[in-house]
PDB file of N, CA and C in Angstrom:
ATOM      1  N   MET A   1      10.323 -18.114   1.392  1.00  0.00           N
ATOM      2  CA  MET A   1       9.133 -18.349   2.013  1.00  0.00           C
ATOM      3  C   MET A   1       9.630 -19.164   3.398  1.00  0.00           C
ATOM      4  N   GLY A   2       8.580 -18.681   4.499  1.00  0.00           N
ATOM      5  CA  GLY A   2       8.595 -19.495   5.721  1.00  0.00           C
ATOM      6  C   GLY A   2       9.746 -18.774   6.770  1.00  0.00           C
ATOM      7  N   THR A   3      10.032 -17.620   6.352  1.00  0.00           N
ATOM      8  CA  THR A   3      11.227 -16.904   7.282  1.00  0.00           C
ATOM      9  C   THR A   3      10.695 -15.851   8.349  1.00  0.00           C
ATOM     10  N   LEU A   4       9.542 -15.684   7.960  1.00  0.00           N
ATOM     11  CA  LEU A   4       8.861 -14.798   9.070  1.00  0.00           C
ATOM     12  C   LEU A   4       8.536 -15.564  10.437  1.00  0.00           C
ATOM     13  N   PRO A   5       8.632 -14.979  11.437  1.00  0.00           N
ATOM     14  CA  PRO A   5       7.968 -15.469  12.673  1.00  0.00           C
ATOM     15  C   PRO A   5       6.366 -15.713  12.553  1.00  0.00           C
ATOM     16  N   THR A   6       5.951 -16.786  13.127  1.00  0.00           N
ATOM     17  CA  THR A   6       4.328 -17.055  13.105  1.00  0.00           C
ATOM     18  C   THR A   6       3.591 -16.989  14.496  1.00  0.00           C
ATOM     19  N   ILE A   7       2.565 -16.620  14.373  1.00  0.00           N
ATOM     20  CA  ILE A   7       1.761 -16.436  15.647  1.00  0.00           C
ATOM     21  C   ILE A   7       0.601 -17.047  15.887  1.00  0.00           C
ATOM     22  N   SER A   8      -0.172 -17.316  16.913  1.00  0.00           N
ATOM     23  CA  SER A   8      -1.333 -18.262  16.919  1.00  0.00           C
ATOM     24  C   SER A   8      -2.425 -17.640  17.149  1.00  0.00           C
ATOM     25  N   PRO A   9      -2.979 -17.351  16.032  1.00  0.00           N
ATOM     26  CA  PRO A   9      -4.261 -16.341  16.347  1.00  0.00           C
ATOM     27  C   PRO A   9      -5.352 -16.939  17.304  1.00  0.00           C
ATOM     28  N   ARG A  10      -6.020 -16.278  17.709  1.00  0.00           N
ATOM     29  CA  ARG A  10      -7.225 -16.878  18.642  1.00  0.00           C
ATOM     30  C   ARG A  10      -8.208 -17.010  18.032  1.00  0.00           C
ATOM     31  N   ARG A  11      -8.722 -16.505  16.972  1.00  0.00           N
ATOM     32  CA  ARG A  11      -9.902 -16.678  16.292  1.00  0.00           C
ATOM     33  C   ARG A  11      -9.768 -17.711  15.212  1.00  0.00           C
ATOM     34  N   PHE A  12     -10.634 -18.582  14.881  1.00  0.00           N
ATOM     35  CA  PHE A  12     -10.673 -19.493  13.960  1.00  0.00           C
ATOM     36  C   PHE A  12      -9.356 -20.437  13.623  1.00  0.00           C
ATOM     37  N   ASN A  13      -8.938 -20.652  15.017  1.00  0.00           N
ATOM     38  CA  ASN A  13      -7.847 -21.450  15.111  1.00  0.00           C
ATOM     39  C   ASN A  13      -7.914 -22.674  16.157  1.00  0.00           C
ATOM     40  N   PRO A  14      -8.816 -23.325  16.250  1.00  0.00           N
ATOM     41  CA  PRO A  14      -9.203 -24.375  17.277  1.00  0.00           C
ATOM     42  C   PRO A  14      -7.968 -25.051  17.620  1.00  0.00           C
ATOM     43  N   GLN A  15      -6.978 -25.582  16.863  1.00  0.00           N
ATOM     44  CA  GLN A  15      -5.920 -26.296  17.359  1.00  0.00           C
ATOM     45  C   GLN A  15      -4.742 -25.339  17.889  1.00  0.00           C
ATOM     46  N   ARG A  16      -5.173 -23.969  17.863  1.00  0.00           N
ATOM     47  CA  ARG A  16      -4.202 -22.814  18.557  1.00  0.00           C
ATOM     48  C   ARG A  16      -2.697 -23.163  17.720  1.00  0.00           C
ATOM     49  N   SER A  17      -2.729 -23.430  16.540  1.00  0.00           N
ATOM     50  CA  SER A  17      -1.554 -23.694  15.980  1.00  0.00           C
ATOM     51  C   SER A  17      -0.866 -22.198  15.549  1.00  0.00           C
ATOM     52  N   ALA A  18       0.581 -21.957  15.348  1.00  0.00           N
ATOM     53  CA  ALA A  18       1.115 -20.867  15.073  1.00  0.00           C
ATOM     54  C   ALA A  18       1.186 -20.902  13.566  1.00  0.00           C
ATOM     55  N   TRP A  19       0.079 -20.426  12.695  1.00  0.00           N
ATOM     56  CA  TRP A  19       0.183 -20.441  11.110  1.00  0.00           C
ATOM     57  C   TRP A  19       0.145 -18.818  10.868  1.00  0.00           C
ATOM     58  N   LEU A  20       0.213 -18.006  11.318  1.00  0.00           N
ATOM     59  CA  LEU A  20      -0.174 -16.540  10.677  1.00  0.00           C
ATOM     60  C   LEU A  20       1.205 -15.921  10.832  1.00  0.00           C
ATOM     61  N   PRO A  21       2.049 -15.936   9.734  1.00  0.00           N
ATOM     62  CA  PRO A  21       3.254 -15.073   9.624  1.00  0.00           C
ATOM     63  C   PRO A  21       2.905 -13.534   9.991  1.00  0.00           C
ATOM     64  N   ILE A  22       3.967 -12.938  10.651  1.00  0.00           N
ATOM     65  CA  ILE A  22       3.839 -11.346  10.868  1.00  0.00           C
ATOM     66  C   ILE A  22       5.037 -10.671  10.579  1.00  0.00           C
ATOM     67  N   LEU A  23       4.823  -9.745  10.125  1.00  0.00           N
ATOM     68  CA  LEU A  23       6.192  -8.756   9.814  1.00  0.00           C
ATOM     69  C   LEU A  23       6.045  -7.722  10.733  1.00  0.00           C
ATOM     70  N   HIS A  24       7.169  -7.326  11.466  1.00  0.00           N
ATOM     71  CA  HIS A  24       7.476  -5.950  12.075  1.00  0.00           C
ATOM     72  C   HIS A  24       8.773  -5.240  11.320  1.00  0.00           C
ATOM     73  N   THR A  25       8.660  -3.996  10.950  1.00  0.00           N
ATOM     74  CA  THR A  25       9.514  -3.324  10.703  1.00  0.00           C
ATOM     75  C   THR A  25       9.439  -1.987  10.770  1.00  0.00           C
ATOM     76  N   HIS A  26      10.367  -0.992  10.545  1.00  0.00           N
ATOM     77  CA  HIS A  26      10.496   0.459  10.897  1.00  0.00           C
ATOM     78  C   HIS A  26      11.007   1.166   9.534  1.00  0.00           C
ATOM     79  N   ARG A  27      10.549   2.235   9.283  1.00  0.00           N
ATOM     80  CA  ARG A  27      10.835   3.055   8.233  1.00  0.00           C
ATOM     81  C   ARG A  27      10.697   4.555   8.737  1.00  0.00           C
ATOM     82  N   GLY A  28      11.953   5.183   8.683  1.00  0.00           N
ATOM     83  CA  GLY A  28      11.847   6.462   9.449  1.00  0.00           C
ATOM     84  C   GLY A  28      11.632   6.693  10.626  1.00  0.00           C
ATOM     85  N   GLY A  29      10.588   7.515  11.255  1.00  0.00           N
ATOM     86  CA  GLY A  29       9.962   7.258  12.422  1.00  0.00           C
ATOM     87  C   GLY A  29       8.771   6.391  12.646  1.00  0.00           C
ATOM     88  N   ARG A  30       8.504   5.609  11.736  1.00  0.00           N
ATOM     89  CA  ARG A  30       7.101   4.666  11.756  1.00  0.00           C
ATOM     90  C   ARG A  30       7.477   3.337  11.859  1.00  0.00           C
ATOM     91  N   HIS A  31       6.469   2.621  12.531  1.00  0.00           N
ATOM     92  CA  HIS A  31       6.802   1.401  13.097  1.00  0.00           C
ATOM     93  C   HIS A  31       5.414   0.709  12.218  1.00  0.00           C
ATOM     94  N   TYR A  32       5.584  -0.529  11.429  1.00  0.00           N
ATOM     95  CA  TYR A  32       4.640  -1.230  10.413  1.00  0.00           C
ATOM     96  C   TYR A  32       4.494  -2.537  11.119  1.00  0.00           C
ATOM     97  N   THR A  33       3.318  -2.911  10.833  1.00  0.00           N
ATOM     98  CA  THR A  33       2.953  -4.424  11.126  1.00  0.00           C
ATOM     99  C   THR A  33       2.257  -4.991   9.959  1.00  0.00           C
ATOM    100  N   ALA A  34       2.603  -6.247   9.547  1.00  0.00           N
ATOM    101  CA  ALA A  34       1.827  -6.792   8.526  1.00  0.00           C
ATOM    102  C   ALA A  34       1.694  -8.062   8.597  1.00  0.00           C
ATOM    103  N   LEU A  35       0.249  -8.590   8.320  1.00  0.00           N
ATOM    104  CA  LEU A  35      -0.083  -9.722   8.613  1.00  0.00           C
ATOM    105  C   LEU A  35      -1.202 -10.322   7.655  1.00  0.00           C
ATOM    106  N   PHE A  36      -1.217 -11.457   7.378  1.00  0.00           N
ATOM    107  CA  PHE A  36      -2.724 -11.896   6.571  1.00  0.00           C
ATOM    108  C   PHE A  36      -3.873 -11.698   7.192  1.00  0.00           C
ATOM    109  N   SER A  37      -4.930 -11.205   6.618  1.00  0.00           N
ATOM    110  CA  SER A  37      -6.401 -10.975   7.220  1.00  0.00           C
ATOM    111  C   SER A  37      -6.801 -12.556   7.984  1.00  0.00           C
ATOM    112  N   ASN A  38      -7.305 -12.350   9.197  1.00  0.00           N
ATOM    113  CA  ASN A  38      -8.082 -13.550   9.915  1.00  0.00           C
ATOM    114  C   ASN A  38      -9.421 -13.137  10.007  1.00  0.00           C
ATOM    115  N   THR A  39      -9.895 -12.524   9.101  1.00  0.00           N
ATOM    116  CA  THR A  39     -11.502 -12.045   9.695  1.00  0.00           C
ATOM    117  C   THR A  39     -12.335 -13.284   8.824  1.00  0.00           C
ATOM    118  N   PRO A  40     -13.596 -13.238   9.483  1.00  0.00           N
ATOM    119  CA  PRO A  40     -14.598 -14.270   8.972  1.00  0.00           C
ATOM    120  C   PRO A  40     -14.700 -14.166   7.612  1.00  0.00           C
ATOM    121  N   ARG A  41     -14.857 -13.003   6.859  1.00  0.00           N
ATOM    122  CA  ARG A  41     -14.865 -12.657   5.386  1.00  0.00           C
ATOM    123  C   ARG A  41     -13.717 -13.424   4.819  1.00  0.00           C
ATOM    124  N   ALA A  42     -12.334 -13.102   5.240  1.00  0.00           N
ATOM    125  CA  ALA A  42     -11.390 -13.617   4.401  1.00  0.00           C
ATOM    126  C   ALA A  42     -11.447 -15.078   4.510  1.00  0.00           C
ATOM    127  N   HIS A  43     -11.787 -15.707   5.709  1.00  0.00           N
ATOM    128  CA  HIS A  43     -11.922 -17.244   5.738  1.00  0.00           C
ATOM    129  C   HIS A  43     -13.020 -17.688   4.686  1.00  0.00           C
ATOM    130  N   ASP A  44     -14.332 -17.055   4.652  1.00  0.00           N
ATOM    131  CA  ASP A  44     -15.437 -17.520   3.734  1.00  0.00           C
ATOM    132  C   ASP A  44     -14.898 -17.345   2.299  1.00  0.00           C
ATOM    133  N   LEU A  45     -14.101 -16.581   1.975  1.00  0.00           N
ATOM    134  CA  LEU A  45     -13.785 -16.274   0.699  1.00  0.00           C
ATOM    135  C   LEU A  45     -12.577 -16.894   0.160  1.00  0.00           C
ATOM    136  N   GLY A  46     -11.779 -17.622   1.273  1.00  0.00           N
ATOM    137  CA  GLY A  46     -10.612 -18.306   1.188  1.00  0.00           C
ATOM    138  C   GLY A  46      -9.341 -17.464   0.713  1.00  0.00           C
ATOM    139  N   LYS A  47      -9.243 -16.131   1.400  1.00  0.00           N
ATOM    140  CA  LYS A  47      -8.259 -15.375   1.202  1.00  0.00           C
ATOM    141  C   LYS A  47      -7.472 -14.772   2.128  1.00  0.00           C
ATOM    142  N   THR A  48      -7.215 -15.994   3.100  1.00  0.00           N
ATOM    143  CA  THR A  48      -6.459 -15.733   4.227  1.00  0.00           C
ATOM    144  C   THR A  48      -4.963 -15.640   3.925  1.00  0.00           C
ATOM    145  N   HIS A  49      -4.673 -16.160   2.820  1.00  0.00           N
ATOM    146  CA  HIS A  49      -3.115 -15.876   2.376  1.00  0.00           C
ATOM    147  C   HIS A  49      -2.934 -15.041   1.195  1.00  0.00           C
ATOM    148  N   ASP A  50      -4.237 -14.142   1.161  1.00  0.00           N
ATOM    149  CA  ASP A  50      -4.022 -13.095  -0.089  1.00  0.00           C
ATOM    150  C   ASP A  50      -4.120 -11.595   0.576  1.00  0.00           C
ATOM    151  N   TRP A  51      -5.496 -11.575   1.329  1.00  0.00           N
ATOM    152  CA  TRP A  51      -5.685 -10.377   1.853  1.00  0.00           C
ATOM    153  C   TRP A  51      -4.551  -9.841   3.004  1.00  0.00           C
ATOM    154  N   VAL A  52      -4.063  -8.647   3.195  1.00  0.00           N
ATOM    155  CA  VAL A  52      -2.971  -8.192   4.119  1.00  0.00           C
ATOM    156  C   VAL A  52      -3.700  -6.974   4.793  1.00  0.00           C
ATOM    157  N   VAL A  53      -3.515  -7.268   6.325  1.00  0.00           N
ATOM    158  CA  VAL A  53      -3.863  -6.197   7.221  1.00  0.00           C
ATOM    159  C   VAL A  53      -2.500  -5.492   7.466  1.00  0.00           C
ATOM    160  N   LEU A  54      -2.518  -4.073   7.345  1.00  0.00           N
ATOM    161  CA  LEU A  54      -1.383  -3.261   7.388  1.00  0.00           C
ATOM    162  C   LEU A  54      -1.633  -2.397   8.820  1.00  0.00           C
ATOM    163  N   TYR A  55      -0.826  -2.236   9.693  1.00  0.00           N
ATOM    164  CA  TYR A  55      -0.705  -1.072  10.708  1.00  0.00           C
ATOM    165  C   TYR A  55       0.457  -0.516  10.625  1.00  0.00           C
ATOM    166  N   ALA A  56       0.139   0.853  10.937  1.00  0.00           N
ATOM    167  CA  ALA A  56       1.367   1.808  10.737  1.00  0.00           C
ATOM    168  C   ALA A  56       1.128   2.803  11.870  1.00  0.00           C
ATOM    169  N   ASP A  57       2.192   3.032  12.646  1.00  0.00           N
ATOM    170  CA  ASP A  57       2.239   3.691  13.969  1.00  0.00           C
ATOM    171  C   ASP A  57       3.271   4.727  13.964  1.00  0.00           C
ATOM    172  N   GLY A  58       2.726   6.007  13.570  1.00  0.00           N
ATOM    173  CA  GLY A  58       3.741   7.399  13.391  1.00  0.00           C
ATOM    174  C   GLY A  58       3.928   8.053  14.549  1.00  0.00           C
ATOM    175  N   GLY A  59       3.473   7.635  15.652  1.00  0.00           N
ATOM    176  CA  GLY A  59       3.471   8.247  16.803  1.00  0.00           C
ATOM    177  C   GLY A  59       2.404   8.891  17.560  1.00  0.00           C
ATOM    178  N   ARG A  60       1.387   9.483  16.528  1.00  0.00           N
ATOM    179  CA  ARG A  60       0.144  10.057  16.975  1.00  0.00           C
ATOM    180  C   ARG A  60      -0.942   9.349  17.152  1.00  0.00           C
ATOM    181  N   ARG A  61      -1.005   8.491  16.184  1.00  0.00           N
ATOM    182  CA  ARG A  61      -1.913   7.352  16.125  1.00  0.00           C
ATOM    183  C   ARG A  61      -1.713   6.173  15.151  1.00  0.00           C
ATOM    184  N   GLU A  62      -2.343   4.986  15.436  1.00  0.00           N
ATOM    185  CA  GLU A  62      -2.147   3.857  14.746  1.00  0.00           C
ATOM    186  C   GLU A  62      -3.335   3.957  13.682  1.00  0.00           C
ATOM    187  N   ARG A  63      -2.821   3.605  12.317  1.00  0.00           N
ATOM    188  CA  ARG A  63      -3.442   3.707  11.210  1.00  0.00           C
ATOM    189  C   ARG A  63      -3.657   2.134  11.030  1.00  0.00           C
ATOM    190  N   GLN A  64      -4.769   1.569  10.056  1.00  0.00           N
ATOM    191  CA  GLN A  64      -5.018   0.379   9.586  1.00  0.00           C
ATOM    192  C   GLN A  64      -5.240   0.370   8.181  1.00  0.00           C
ATOM    193  N   PHE A  65      -4.858  -0.314   7.430  1.00  0.00           N
ATOM    194  CA  PHE A  65      -5.156  -0.813   5.881  1.00  0.00           C
ATOM    195  C   PHE A  65      -5.297  -2.006   5.589  1.00  0.00           C
ATOM    196  N   THR A  66      -6.317  -2.392   4.822  1.00  0.00           N
ATOM    197  CA  THR A  66      -6.379  -3.773   4.301  1.00  0.00           C
ATOM    198  C   THR A  66      -6.019  -3.602   2.835  1.00  0.00           C
ATOM    199  N   VAL A  67      -5.167  -4.624   2.177  1.00  0.00           N
ATOM    200  CA  VAL A  67      -4.733  -4.700   0.950  1.00  0.00           C
ATOM    201  C   VAL A  67      -5.212  -5.954   0.490  1.00  0.00           C
ATOM    202  N   ILE A  68      -6.237  -5.724  -0.547  1.00  0.00           N
ATOM    203  CA  ILE A  68      -6.698  -7.159  -1.225  1.00  0.00           C
ATOM    204  C   ILE A  68      -6.377  -7.272  -2.791  1.00  0.00           C
ATOM    205  N   THR A  69      -6.886  -8.414  -3.228  1.00  0.00           N
ATOM    206  CA  THR A  69      -6.830  -8.738  -4.750  1.00  0.00           C
ATOM    207  C   THR A  69      -8.326  -8.349  -5.166  1.00  0.00           C
ATOM    208  N   SER A  70      -8.480  -7.057  -5.834  1.00  0.00           N
ATOM    209  CA  SER A  70      -9.803  -6.747  -6.246  1.00  0.00           C
ATOM    210  C   SER A  70     -10.564  -7.784  -6.925  1.00  0.00           C
ATOM    211  N   MET A  71     -11.721  -8.382  -6.887  1.00  0.00           N
ATOM    212  CA  MET A  71     -12.430  -9.229  -7.646  1.00  0.00           C
ATOM    213  C   MET A  71     -13.513  -8.956  -8.925  1.00  0.00           C
ATOM    214  N   TYR A  72     -13.453  -7.601  -8.780  1.00  0.00           N
ATOM    215  CA  TYR A  72     -14.628  -7.143  -9.636  1.00  0.00           C
ATOM    216  C   TYR A  72     -14.315  -5.864 -10.190  1.00  0.00           C
ATOM    217  N   GLY A  73     -15.111  -5.569 -11.352  1.00  0.00           N
ATOM    218  CA  GLY A  73     -14.592  -3.921 -11.916  1.00  0.00           C
ATOM    219  C   GLY A  73     -13.480  -3.788 -12.665  1.00  0.00           C
ATOM    220  N   PRO A  74     -13.169  -2.593 -12.894  1.00  0.00           N
ATOM    221  CA  PRO A  74     -11.978  -2.409 -13.797  1.00  0.00           C
ATOM    222  C   PRO A  74     -10.439  -2.840 -12.896  1.00  0.00           C
ATOM    223  N   LEU A  75     -10.843  -2.851 -11.466  1.00  0.00           N
ATOM    224  CA  LEU A  75      -9.460  -3.037 -10.855  1.00  0.00           C
ATOM    225  C   LEU A  75      -9.323  -4.630 -10.444  1.00  0.00           C
ATOM    226  N   ALA A  76     -10.156  -5.512 -11.171  1.00  0.00           N
ATOM    227  CA  ALA A  76     -10.095  -6.852 -10.893  1.00  0.00           C
ATOM    228  C   ALA A  76      -8.859  -7.581 -11.105  1.00  0.00           C
ATOM    229  N   GLY A  77      -8.330  -8.339 -10.174  1.00  0.00           N
ATOM    230  CA  GLY A  77      -6.974  -8.931 -10.443  1.00  0.00           C
ATOM    231  C   GLY A  77      -6.014  -8.019  -9.817  1.00  0.00           C
ATOM    232  N   LYS A  78      -6.148  -6.681  -9.680  1.00  0.00           N
ATOM    233  CA  LYS A  78      -5.071  -5.922  -9.216  1.00  0.00           C
ATOM    234  C   LYS A  78      -5.268  -5.533  -7.548  1.00  0.00           C
ATOM    235  N   ARG A  79      -3.901  -5.395  -6.997  1.00  0.00           N
ATOM    236  CA  ARG A  79      -3.792  -5.452  -5.310  1.00  0.00           C
ATOM    237  C   ARG A  79      -4.287  -3.869  -5.274  1.00  0.00           C
ATOM    238  N   ILE A  80      -5.127  -3.613  -4.362  1.00  0.00           N
ATOM    239  CA  ILE A  80      -5.688  -2.278  -4.193  1.00  0.00           C
ATOM    240  C   ILE A  80      -5.960  -2.281  -2.441  1.00  0.00           C
ATOM    241  N   VAL A  81      -5.570  -0.959  -2.094  1.00  0.00           N
ATOM    242  CA  VAL A  81      -6.080  -0.661  -0.928  1.00  0.00           C
ATOM    243  C   VAL A  81      -7.470  -0.444  -0.313  1.00  0.00           C
ATOM    244  N   ARG A  82      -8.504  -1.084   0.384  1.00  0.00           N
ATOM    245  CA  ARG A  82      -9.629  -0.872   0.486  1.00  0.00           C
ATOM    246  C   ARG A  82      -9.579   0.513   0.924  1.00  0.00           C
ATOM    247  N   GLY A  83     -10.906   1.338   0.653  1.00  0.00           N
ATOM    248  CA  GLY A  83     -11.183   2.608   0.941  1.00  0.00           C
ATOM    249  C   GLY A  83     -10.475   3.622   0.135  1.00  0.00           C
ATOM    250  N   ARG A  84      -9.391   3.029  -0.701  1.00  0.00           N
ATOM    251  CA  ARG A  84      -8.422   4.109  -1.577  1.00  0.00           C
ATOM    252  C   ARG A  84      -8.679   3.695  -2.954  1.00  0.00           C
ATOM    253  N   GLU A  85      -9.651   3.326  -3.333  1.00  0.00           N
ATOM    254  CA  GLU A  85      -9.888   2.645  -4.563  1.00  0.00           C
ATOM    255  C   GLU A  85      -9.449   3.498  -5.678  1.00  0.00           C
ATOM    256  N   ASP A  86      -9.810   4.836  -5.768  1.00  0.00           N
ATOM    257  CA  ASP A  86      -9.459   5.890  -6.419  1.00  0.00           C
ATOM    258  C   ASP A  86      -7.972   6.038  -6.992  1.00  0.00           C
ATOM    259  N   GLU A  87      -7.248   6.413  -5.710  1.00  0.00           N
ATOM    260  CA  GLU A  87      -5.999   6.299  -5.886  1.00  0.00           C
ATOM    261  C   GLU A  87      -5.305   5.327  -6.346  1.00  0.00           C
ATOM    262  N   CYS A  88      -5.640   3.799  -6.120  1.00  0.00           N
ATOM    263  CA  CYS A  88      -5.106   2.651  -6.884  1.00  0.00           C
ATOM    264  C   CYS A  88      -5.528   2.727  -8.102  1.00  0.00           C
ATOM    265  N   ALA A  89      -6.853   3.103  -8.508  1.00  0.00           N
ATOM    266  CA  ALA A  89      -6.915   3.282 -10.050  1.00  0.00           C
ATOM    267  C   ALA A  89      -6.010   4.017 -10.758  1.00  0.00           C
ATOM    268  N   ALA A  90      -5.672   5.322 -10.301  1.00  0.00           N
ATOM    269  CA  ALA A  90      -4.782   6.281 -10.496  1.00  0.00           C
ATOM    270  C   ALA A  90      -3.424   5.632 -10.933  1.00  0.00           C
ATOM    271  N   HIS A  91      -3.111   4.996  -9.876  1.00  0.00           N
ATOM    272  CA  HIS A  91      -1.823   4.384  -9.918  1.00  0.00           C
ATOM    273  C   HIS A  91      -1.482   3.321 -11.101  1.00  0.00           C
ATOM    274  N   TYR A  92      -2.590   2.469 -11.239  1.00  0.00           N
ATOM    275  CA  TYR A  92      -2.722   1.748 -12.470  1.00  0.00           C
ATOM    276  C   TYR A  92      -3.152   2.334 -13.771  1.00  0.00           C
ATOM    277  N   GLY A  93      -3.522   3.490 -13.761  1.00  0.00           N
ATOM    278  CA  GLY A  93      -3.765   4.145 -15.000  1.00  0.00           C
ATOM    279  C   GLY A  93      -5.093   3.886 -15.515  1.00  0.00           C
ATOM    280  N   ILE A  94      -6.105   3.365 -14.459  1.00  0.00           N
ATOM    281  CA  ILE A  94      -7.210   3.066 -14.854  1.00  0.00           C
ATOM    282  C   ILE A  94      -8.439   4.339 -14.730  1.00  0.00           C
ATOM    283  N   PRO A  95      -9.076   4.498 -15.653  1.00  0.00           N
ATOM    284  CA  PRO A  95      -9.861   5.937 -15.411  1.00  0.00           C
ATOM    285  C   PRO A  95     -11.199   5.502 -14.551  1.00  0.00           C
ATOM    286  N   VAL A  96     -11.398   6.498 -13.489  1.00  0.00           N
ATOM    287  CA  VAL A  96     -12.241   6.357 -12.605  1.00  0.00           C
ATOM    288  C   VAL A  96     -13.571   7.251 -12.935  1.00  0.00           C
ATOM    289  N   GLY A  97     -14.834   6.539 -12.781  1.00  0.00           N
ATOM    290  CA  GLY A  97     -15.896   7.425 -13.163  1.00  0.00           C
ATOM    291  C   GLY A  97     -16.278   8.264 -11.998  1.00  0.00           C
ATOM    292  N   PRO A  98     -17.429   9.013 -12.147  1.00  0.00           N
ATOM    293  CA  PRO A  98     -18.234   9.989 -11.005  1.00  0.00           C
ATOM    294  C   PRO A  98     -18.299   8.714 -10.011  1.00  0.00           C
ATOM    295  N   PRO A  99     -18.446   9.412  -8.767  1.00  0.00           N
ATOM    296  CA  PRO A  99     -18.981   8.866  -7.493  1.00  0.00           C
ATOM    297  C   PRO A  99     -20.500   8.455  -7.950  1.00  0.00           C
ATOM    298  N   THR A 100     -21.005   7.153  -7.160  1.00  0.00           N
ATOM    299  CA  THR A 100     -22.238   6.869  -7.389  1.00  0.00           C
ATOM    300  C   THR A 100     -22.816   6.725  -6.100  1.00  0.00           C
ATOM    301  N   GLY A 101     -22.372   7.067  -4.829  1.00  0.00           N
ATOM    302  CA  GLY A 101     -22.696   7.050  -3.631  1.00  0.00           C
ATOM    303  C   GLY A 101     -22.882   5.442  -3.108  1.00  0.00           C
ATOM    304  N   ARG A 102     -22.494   4.510  -4.146  1.00  0.00           N
ATOM    305  CA  ARG A 102     -22.543   3.099  -3.716  1.00  0.00           C
ATOM    306  C   ARG A 102     -21.287   2.562  -3.434  1.00  0.00           C
ATOM    307  N   ALA A 103     -21.022   1.531  -2.809  1.00  0.00           N
ATOM    308  CA  ALA A 103     -19.723   0.920  -2.645  1.00  0.00           C
ATOM    309  C   ALA A 103     -19.483   0.665  -4.124  1.00  0.00           C
ATOM    310  N   SER A 104     -18.180   0.697  -4.570  1.00  0.00           N
ATOM    311  CA  SER A 104     -17.617   0.477  -5.860  1.00  0.00           C
ATOM    312  C   SER A 104     -17.420  -0.967  -6.162  1.00  0.00           C
ATOM    313  N   ALA A 105     -17.634  -1.517  -7.501  1.00  0.00           N
ATOM    314  CA  ALA A 105     -17.522  -2.826  -7.772  1.00  0.00           C
ATOM    315  C   ALA A 105     -16.398  -3.449  -7.105  1.00  0.00           C
ATOM    316  N   SER A 106     -15.164  -2.760  -7.069  1.00  0.00           N
ATOM    317  CA  SER A 106     -13.940  -3.337  -7.047  1.00  0.00           C
ATOM    318  C   SER A 106     -14.097  -3.830  -5.235  1.00  0.00           C
ATOM    319  N   THR A 107     -14.903  -3.461  -4.636  1.00  0.00           N
ATOM    320  CA  THR A 107     -15.079  -3.688  -3.046  1.00  0.00           C
ATOM    321  C   THR A 107     -16.075  -4.804  -2.683  1.00  0.00           C
ATOM    322  N   ARG A 108     -17.013  -4.956  -3.436  1.00  0.00           N
ATOM    323  CA  ARG A 108     -18.014  -5.605  -3.073  1.00  0.00           C
ATOM    324  C   ARG A 108     -17.474  -7.214  -3.039  1.00  0.00           C
ATOM    325  N   GLY A 109     -18.055  -7.733  -1.802  1.00  0.00           N
ATOM    326  CA  GLY A 109     -17.586  -8.894  -1.291  1.00  0.00           C
ATOM    327  C   GLY A 109     -16.293  -8.931  -0.576  1.00  0.00           C
ATOM    328  N   ALA A 110     -15.854  -7.807  -0.214  1.00  0.00           N
ATOM    329  CA  ALA A 110     -14.433  -7.781   0.559  1.00  0.00           C
ATOM    330  C   ALA A 110     -14.665  -7.293   1.962  1.00  0.00           C
TER     331      ALA A 110
END
């Protein structure tokens, strides 16, 4: 631990300290950046060292994903990609019910 370079985020950092670790890596023709979430919600829930924001640049466009530890429902305690809960449930071998048109219980509060 402590081997990644850290940056000084502008938000929620009145002392302007460099506390946010950042990872840059490449795989194939894609560049990835990973860092902990520095959103108001992550701060409110004490998840600034749990939730991870991933950026993937494959040439045509950058994509962003947020990985959280689910707090509710059948995925509680599991690492999931927000917006990809069904695929995450399949990965963990957890049955998924029919869509209800509402936010899934695994994403409430995130």
